[in-house]
Amino acid sequence: MAVGFPIAAMALEPEALITYRGVEGSLWIEVEVIPDVPVVGPNKFTVRVRNNGTREFIDNAKIMIVAYDGEAQPHYQVVALNNPINTMDYVGRLTVKSPGIWRLHITVEAPGVGSEVFVVPVDIAPQRLDPGPGGALVLLVIVTGFISGGFYLRMRSHQVLKSR
């Protein structure tokens, strides 16, 4: 298993957060997640891999991400693929359907360097879509706008017809 730690640092993407850095054998990885607080639903995981000895990025690795629930049962699996624009980024998207502490087993196979498994703990939060007074206010403003717009058009058309 990998030696690593969850961290909170700014990432390259504005709404991403580096959630993990770890070293195992000759490999070093960094994991980002979008959204910055992972929630039930789709989450984007970006993995960067470096050779621990030379600190050079590895752009030809094979990366598999398997998500295990709190009972150590595998539920989701995805292959992280190179980003064509930035070849040092491997991107995998997982859609998680329940909140809780999940463990991502990230298997990295790098030619000439070796193969290692990193275990990344991720706290998946429930969806943040609770109804609130702000949404009701927006709905009220929109409905009022439509109704008053209709009345205005009707009154204006009656005025134009009377003036003829």
Protein backbone atom coordinates (compact mmCIF):
# COMPACT_ATOMS: atom_id res chain seq x y z
CA MET A 1 0.00 0.00 0.00
CA ALA A 2 1.08 3.53 -0.66
CA VAL A 3 2.32 6.02 1.86
CA GLY A 4 0.36 9.21 1.32
CA PHE A 5 -1.77 11.78 2.96
CA PRO A 6 -4.87 13.81 2.14
CA ILE A 7 -4.02 17.46 1.69
CA ALA A 8 -5.81 20.69 0.96
CA ALA A 9 -3.87 22.80 -1.54
CA MET A 10 -4.81 24.88 -4.53
CA ALA A 11 -4.84 23.03 -7.83
CA LEU A 12 -4.35 23.99 -11.47
CA GLU A 13 -8.06 24.11 -12.26
CA PRO A 14 -9.91 26.89 -10.40
CA GLU A 15 -12.62 24.70 -8.86
CA ALA A 16 -10.34 21.69 -8.23
CA LEU A 17 -8.55 20.82 -5.04
CA ILE A 18 -5.53 18.59 -4.66
CA THR A 19 -6.85 15.96 -2.29
CA TYR A 20 -3.97 13.50 -2.11
CA ARG A 21 -0.24 13.15 -2.68
CA GLY A 22 1.51 9.86 -2.13
CA VAL A 23 4.69 7.90 -2.76
CA GLU A 24 4.99 4.16 -3.22
CA GLY A 25 8.20 2.56 -4.45
CA SER A 26 9.44 4.49 -7.45
CA LEU A 27 6.12 6.27 -8.18
CA TRP A 28 4.72 9.53 -6.86
CA ILE A 29 1.10 10.56 -7.54
CA GLU A 30 -1.10 13.57 -7.02
CA VAL A 31 -4.91 13.38 -7.19
CA GLU A 32 -7.31 16.28 -7.85
CA VAL A 33 -11.07 16.09 -7.66
CA ILE A 34 -13.78 18.28 -9.16
CA PRO A 35 -16.00 19.44 -7.50
CA ASP A 36 -13.68 20.51 -4.67
CA VAL A 37 -16.05 18.79 -2.22
CA PRO A 38 -16.95 15.47 -3.90
CA VAL A 39 -20.71 14.84 -3.82
CA VAL A 40 -23.09 12.07 -4.79
CA GLY A 41 -23.17 12.11 -8.58
CA PRO A 42 -20.46 12.61 -11.18
CA ASN A 43 -16.97 13.47 -9.95
CA LYS A 44 -13.86 14.07 -12.06
CA PHE A 45 -10.56 12.70 -10.74
CA THR A 46 -7.29 13.88 -12.26
CA VAL A 47 -4.15 11.85 -11.49
CA ARG A 48 -0.60 13.01 -12.13
CA VAL A 49 2.20 10.45 -11.98
CA ARG A 50 5.91 11.11 -11.55
CA ASN A 51 8.99 8.98 -11.34
CA ASN A 52 9.98 9.38 -7.67
CA GLY A 53 13.69 9.23 -8.45
CA THR A 54 13.83 11.77 -11.28
CA ARG A 55 10.60 13.73 -10.50
CA GLU A 56 9.77 13.63 -14.23
CA PHE A 57 6.13 13.23 -15.22
CA ILE A 58 5.19 9.87 -16.72
CA ASP A 59 2.91 10.28 -19.71
CA ASN A 60 2.56 6.65 -20.83
CA ALA A 61 1.20 4.97 -17.68
CA LYS A 62 -1.92 2.82 -17.39
CA ILE A 63 -4.15 3.92 -14.52
CA MET A 64 -7.17 2.08 -13.11
CA ILE A 65 -9.36 3.63 -10.40
CA VAL A 66 -11.60 1.30 -8.36
CA ALA A 67 -13.93 2.81 -5.73
CA TYR A 68 -14.56 0.74 -2.58
CA ASP A 69 -17.36 1.59 -0.15
CA GLY A 70 -17.07 1.64 3.67
CA GLU A 71 -17.53 -2.14 3.78
CA ALA A 72 -14.54 -2.71 1.46
CA GLN A 73 -16.74 -3.78 -1.45
CA PRO A 74 -15.77 -2.57 -4.94
CA HIS A 75 -18.59 -0.67 -6.65
CA TYR A 76 -17.18 1.50 -9.43
CA GLN A 77 -14.25 1.18 -11.78
CA VAL A 78 -12.84 3.51 -14.40
CA VAL A 79 -9.71 3.74 -16.51
CA ALA A 80 -8.05 7.15 -16.23
CA LEU A 81 -6.99 8.33 -19.68
CA ASN A 82 -4.44 10.90 -20.78
CA ASN A 83 -5.75 14.36 -21.41
CA PRO A 84 -4.87 15.12 -25.06
CA ILE A 85 -4.09 18.75 -24.24
CA ASN A 86 -1.97 18.05 -21.17
CA THR A 87 -0.46 14.56 -21.40
CA MET A 88 0.70 14.51 -17.78
CA ASP A 89 -2.95 14.51 -16.59
CA TYR A 90 -4.89 11.25 -16.45
CA VAL A 91 -8.64 11.88 -16.12
CA GLY A 92 -11.28 9.48 -14.82
CA ARG A 93 -14.94 10.23 -14.10
CA LEU A 94 -16.83 8.29 -11.44
CA THR A 95 -20.53 8.61 -10.70
CA VAL A 96 -21.00 7.69 -7.04
CA LYS A 97 -24.57 7.02 -5.91
CA SER A 98 -24.25 7.10 -2.11
CA PRO A 99 -22.48 9.36 0.40
CA GLY A 100 -19.84 8.20 2.87
CA ILE A 101 -16.15 7.46 3.11
CA TRP A 102 -14.95 5.75 -0.07
CA ARG A 103 -11.50 4.40 -0.79
CA LEU A 104 -10.10 4.80 -4.27
CA HIS A 105 -7.62 2.08 -5.16
CA ILE A 106 -5.53 3.68 -7.89
CA THR A 107 -3.40 1.13 -9.72
CA VAL A 108 -0.57 2.72 -11.72
CA GLU A 109 1.45 0.70 -14.23
CA ALA A 110 4.33 2.68 -15.68
CA PRO A 111 6.59 1.03 -18.27
CA GLY A 112 10.18 0.84 -17.06
CA VAL A 113 9.24 2.09 -13.58
CA GLY A 114 6.88 -0.54 -12.19
CA SER A 115 3.38 -1.02 -10.87
CA GLU A 116 1.99 0.28 -7.58
CA VAL A 117 -1.39 0.59 -5.83
CA PHE A 118 -2.32 3.79 -3.99
CA VAL A 119 -5.29 3.95 -1.59
CA VAL A 120 -6.91 7.38 -1.52
CA PRO A 121 -9.66 8.09 1.06
CA VAL A 122 -12.46 10.31 -0.29
CA ASP A 123 -15.41 11.63 1.69
CA ILE A 124 -18.42 11.74 -0.65
CA ALA A 125 -20.97 14.26 0.63
CA PRO A 126 -24.71 14.23 -0.10
CA GLN A 127 -26.02 16.49 -2.85
CA ARG A 128 -26.20 20.16 -1.93
CA LEU A 129 -29.49 20.82 -3.71
CA ASP A 130 -31.75 21.54 -0.76
CA PRO A 131 -34.68 23.81 -1.56
CA GLY A 132 -34.49 27.18 0.09
CA PRO A 133 -36.15 30.59 0.18
CA GLY A 134 -33.84 31.93 -2.55
CA GLY A 135 -35.27 29.58 -5.17
CA ALA A 136 -38.84 30.45 -4.20
CA LEU A 137 -38.03 34.15 -4.52
CA VAL A 138 -36.54 33.71 -7.99
CA LEU A 139 -39.61 31.72 -9.09
CA LEU A 140 -41.91 34.45 -7.73
CA VAL A 141 -40.02 37.18 -9.60
CA ILE A 142 -40.12 35.26 -12.88
CA VAL A 143 -43.84 34.43 -12.64
CA THR A 144 -44.67 38.02 -11.67
CA GLY A 145 -42.64 39.27 -14.65
CA PHE A 146 -44.52 37.04 -17.08
CA ILE A 147 -47.94 38.02 -15.72
CA SER A 148 -47.20 41.76 -15.65
CA GLY A 149 -45.66 41.56 -19.14
CA GLY A 150 -48.86 39.97 -20.45
CA PHE A 151 -51.03 42.66 -18.82
CA TYR A 152 -48.79 45.41 -20.22
CA LEU A 153 -49.03 44.04 -23.76
CA ARG A 154 -52.81 43.73 -23.50
CA MET A 155 -53.26 47.30 -22.19
CA ARG A 156 -50.88 48.68 -24.82
CA SER A 157 -52.71 46.91 -27.66
CA HIS A 158 -56.09 48.28 -26.41
CA GLN A 159 -54.61 51.80 -26.31
CA VAL A 160 -53.29 51.50 -29.86
CA LEU A 161 -56.62 50.11 -31.13
CA LYS A 162 -58.62 52.96 -29.45
CA SER A 163 -56.38 55.64 -30.93
CA ARG A 164 -57.18 54.47 -34.48
